[in-house]
Amino acid sequence: MILEKGLNPVTFRNQLKYYHNNIDIIKFTSGIGLIDPAIEEKISACKEYGIDVYFGGTLFEKYYHAKALDAYVHLLEDHGIRSIEISDGVVQLPQADKNRLIKELKPKFKIFNEIGSKDTTFVMPPSKWVFQMQESLDAGVGA
């Protein structure tokens, strides 16, 4: 897996050309899926090489916070994206809601779940990490 943070399309395509055999998944992170004018070209190039793509969890959180998950699902479908990351690194998302969303979205998408916070002052006890990982697995992440 690699993170795509806004490379120009030529550089992006060259990376795929030379390294595609070592890449399974590309995560378009930091809202790139909304602002990159070459996003369709990049997604298409990934599909040519059989590389799965998805938009990062912060974009999911933006739509979740705005109570616009249906619009987010449509955005992914419009781009032909079959994977989704459900995270709560910026926005508070109770584990029960996360589990519900995993179960709801599982029929349409391969689910990724990022656990932890982007807040560097927040320290999560290891027991909470383990609990959240197990809950997410039980809800259908990775299955």
Protein backbone atom coordinates (compact mmCIF):
# COMPACT_ATOMS: atom_id res chain seq x y z
CA MET A 1 0.00 0.00 0.00
CA ILE A 2 1.17 3.48 -0.79
CA LEU A 3 -0.25 6.91 -0.04
CA GLU A 4 -0.93 9.29 -2.93
CA LYS A 5 -0.79 12.90 -1.79
CA GLY A 6 -1.09 14.73 -5.10
CA LEU A 7 1.65 13.72 -7.49
CA ASN A 8 1.39 15.12 -10.98
CA PRO A 9 -0.20 12.59 -13.37
CA VAL A 10 3.00 11.87 -15.32
CA THR A 11 5.01 11.07 -12.20
CA PHE A 12 2.11 9.03 -10.82
CA ARG A 13 1.81 6.96 -14.01
CA ASN A 14 5.60 6.43 -14.09
CA GLN A 15 5.52 5.13 -10.52
CA LEU A 16 2.82 2.66 -11.51
CA LYS A 17 4.75 1.63 -14.62
CA TYR A 18 7.87 0.73 -12.65
CA TYR A 19 6.45 -0.40 -9.30
CA HIS A 20 2.97 -1.79 -9.99
CA ASN A 21 4.06 -5.35 -9.22
CA ASN A 22 4.75 -4.25 -5.64
CA ILE A 23 1.57 -2.23 -5.08
CA ASP A 24 -1.75 -3.77 -4.03
CA ILE A 25 -3.56 -0.66 -2.85
CA ILE A 26 -3.25 3.10 -3.27
CA LYS A 27 -4.84 5.39 -0.72
CA PHE A 28 -5.65 8.85 -2.04
CA THR A 29 -5.15 10.76 1.18
CA SER A 30 -5.64 14.29 2.51
CA GLY A 31 -8.76 15.01 0.47
CA ILE A 32 -6.95 14.50 -2.86
CA GLY A 33 -10.02 12.71 -4.18
CA LEU A 34 -11.94 15.98 -4.11
CA ILE A 35 -9.34 18.45 -5.36
CA ASP A 36 -7.02 16.61 -7.75
CA PRO A 37 -8.02 17.51 -11.33
CA ALA A 38 -6.33 14.29 -12.51
CA ILE A 39 -8.11 11.95 -10.06
CA GLU A 40 -10.06 10.11 -12.77
CA GLU A 41 -6.89 9.62 -14.81
CA LYS A 42 -5.06 8.26 -11.76
CA ILE A 43 -7.88 5.91 -10.79
CA SER A 44 -8.06 4.65 -14.36
CA ALA A 45 -4.29 4.03 -14.40
CA CYS A 46 -4.57 2.05 -11.17
CA LYS A 47 -7.33 -0.08 -12.65
CA GLU A 48 -5.15 -0.79 -15.71
CA TYR A 49 -2.54 -2.28 -13.37
CA GLY A 50 -5.08 -4.09 -11.17
CA ILE A 51 -4.41 -1.86 -8.17
CA ASP A 52 -7.24 -1.25 -5.68
CA VAL A 53 -7.81 2.38 -4.65
CA TYR A 54 -9.66 4.23 -1.94
CA PHE A 55 -9.96 7.68 -0.44
CA GLY A 56 -8.50 8.19 3.03
CA GLY A 57 -10.51 8.14 6.22
CA THR A 58 -10.36 11.88 6.84
CA LEU A 59 -12.54 12.43 3.78
CA PHE A 60 -14.97 9.82 5.14
CA GLU A 61 -14.97 11.73 8.44
CA LYS A 62 -15.74 15.00 6.66
CA TYR A 63 -18.86 13.49 5.11
CA TYR A 64 -19.79 11.67 8.33
CA HIS A 65 -19.53 14.91 10.33
CA ALA A 66 -21.68 16.71 7.74
CA LYS A 67 -24.28 13.90 7.94
CA ALA A 68 -23.76 13.30 4.22
CA LEU A 69 -22.58 9.69 4.02
CA ASP A 70 -24.99 8.97 1.16
CA ALA A 71 -23.23 11.66 -0.87
CA TYR A 72 -19.88 10.10 0.01
CA VAL A 73 -21.03 6.66 -1.09
CA HIS A 74 -22.22 8.18 -4.38
CA LEU A 75 -18.86 9.92 -4.81
CA LEU A 76 -17.06 6.59 -4.40
CA GLU A 77 -19.45 4.82 -6.74
CA ASP A 78 -19.10 7.59 -9.34
CA HIS A 79 -15.34 7.00 -9.29
CA GLY A 80 -15.75 3.22 -9.43
CA ILE A 81 -14.12 2.83 -6.02
CA ARG A 82 -14.95 -0.44 -4.28
CA SER A 83 -13.12 0.15 -0.96
CA ILE A 84 -13.80 2.54 1.89
CA GLU A 85 -11.90 3.56 5.01
CA ILE A 86 -13.92 4.15 8.15
CA SER A 87 -11.91 6.08 10.71
CA ASP A 88 -12.20 8.48 13.60
CA GLY A 89 -8.80 10.11 13.64
CA VAL A 90 -10.24 13.63 13.57
CA VAL A 91 -13.99 13.29 14.25
CA GLN A 92 -15.39 11.45 17.26
CA LEU A 93 -17.10 8.28 16.04
CA PRO A 94 -18.37 5.95 18.77
CA GLN A 95 -17.35 2.33 18.26
CA ALA A 96 -21.01 1.25 18.10
CA ASP A 97 -21.59 3.68 15.19
CA LYS A 98 -18.41 2.48 13.52
CA ASN A 99 -19.57 -1.15 13.83
CA ARG A 100 -22.98 -0.26 12.39
CA LEU A 101 -21.40 1.55 9.44
CA ILE A 102 -19.04 -1.34 8.77
CA LYS A 103 -21.98 -3.74 8.63
CA GLU A 104 -24.07 -1.37 6.46
CA LEU A 105 -21.30 -0.65 3.96
CA LYS A 106 -19.82 -4.16 3.82
CA PRO A 107 -22.14 -5.37 1.02
CA LYS A 108 -20.93 -2.56 -1.27
CA PHE A 109 -17.31 -2.04 -0.23
CA LYS A 110 -14.15 -3.67 1.01
CA ILE A 111 -13.76 -2.05 4.43
CA PHE A 112 -10.60 -0.58 5.92
CA ASN A 113 -10.60 0.76 9.46
CA GLU A 114 -7.98 3.10 10.87
CA ILE A 115 -7.77 3.04 14.64
CA GLY A 116 -6.24 5.85 16.65
CA SER A 117 -6.26 9.61 16.64
CA LYS A 118 -4.46 12.29 14.69
CA ASP A 119 -4.42 14.35 17.91
CA THR A 120 -0.85 13.98 19.15
CA THR A 121 -1.89 14.86 22.71
CA PHE A 122 -4.34 11.94 22.86
CA VAL A 123 -2.88 8.72 24.23
CA MET A 124 -5.01 5.65 23.69
CA PRO A 125 -4.48 2.83 26.18
CA PRO A 126 -3.42 -0.43 24.49
CA SER A 127 -6.52 -2.18 25.84
CA LYS A 128 -8.71 0.29 23.91
CA TRP A 129 -6.71 -0.34 20.71
CA VAL A 130 -7.23 -4.08 21.11
CA PHE A 131 -10.93 -3.61 21.90
CA GLN A 132 -11.50 -1.40 18.85
CA MET A 133 -9.58 -3.76 16.57
CA GLN A 134 -11.56 -6.79 17.76
CA GLU A 135 -14.87 -4.93 17.49
CA SER A 136 -14.03 -3.84 13.94
CA LEU A 137 -12.98 -7.35 12.93
CA ASP A 138 -16.17 -8.78 14.43
CA ALA A 139 -18.22 -6.19 12.50
CA GLY A 140 -16.66 -7.32 9.20
CA VAL A 141 -13.44 -5.41 8.53
CA GLY A 142 -11.00 -7.47 6.53
CA ALA A 143 -13.40 -10.34 5.92
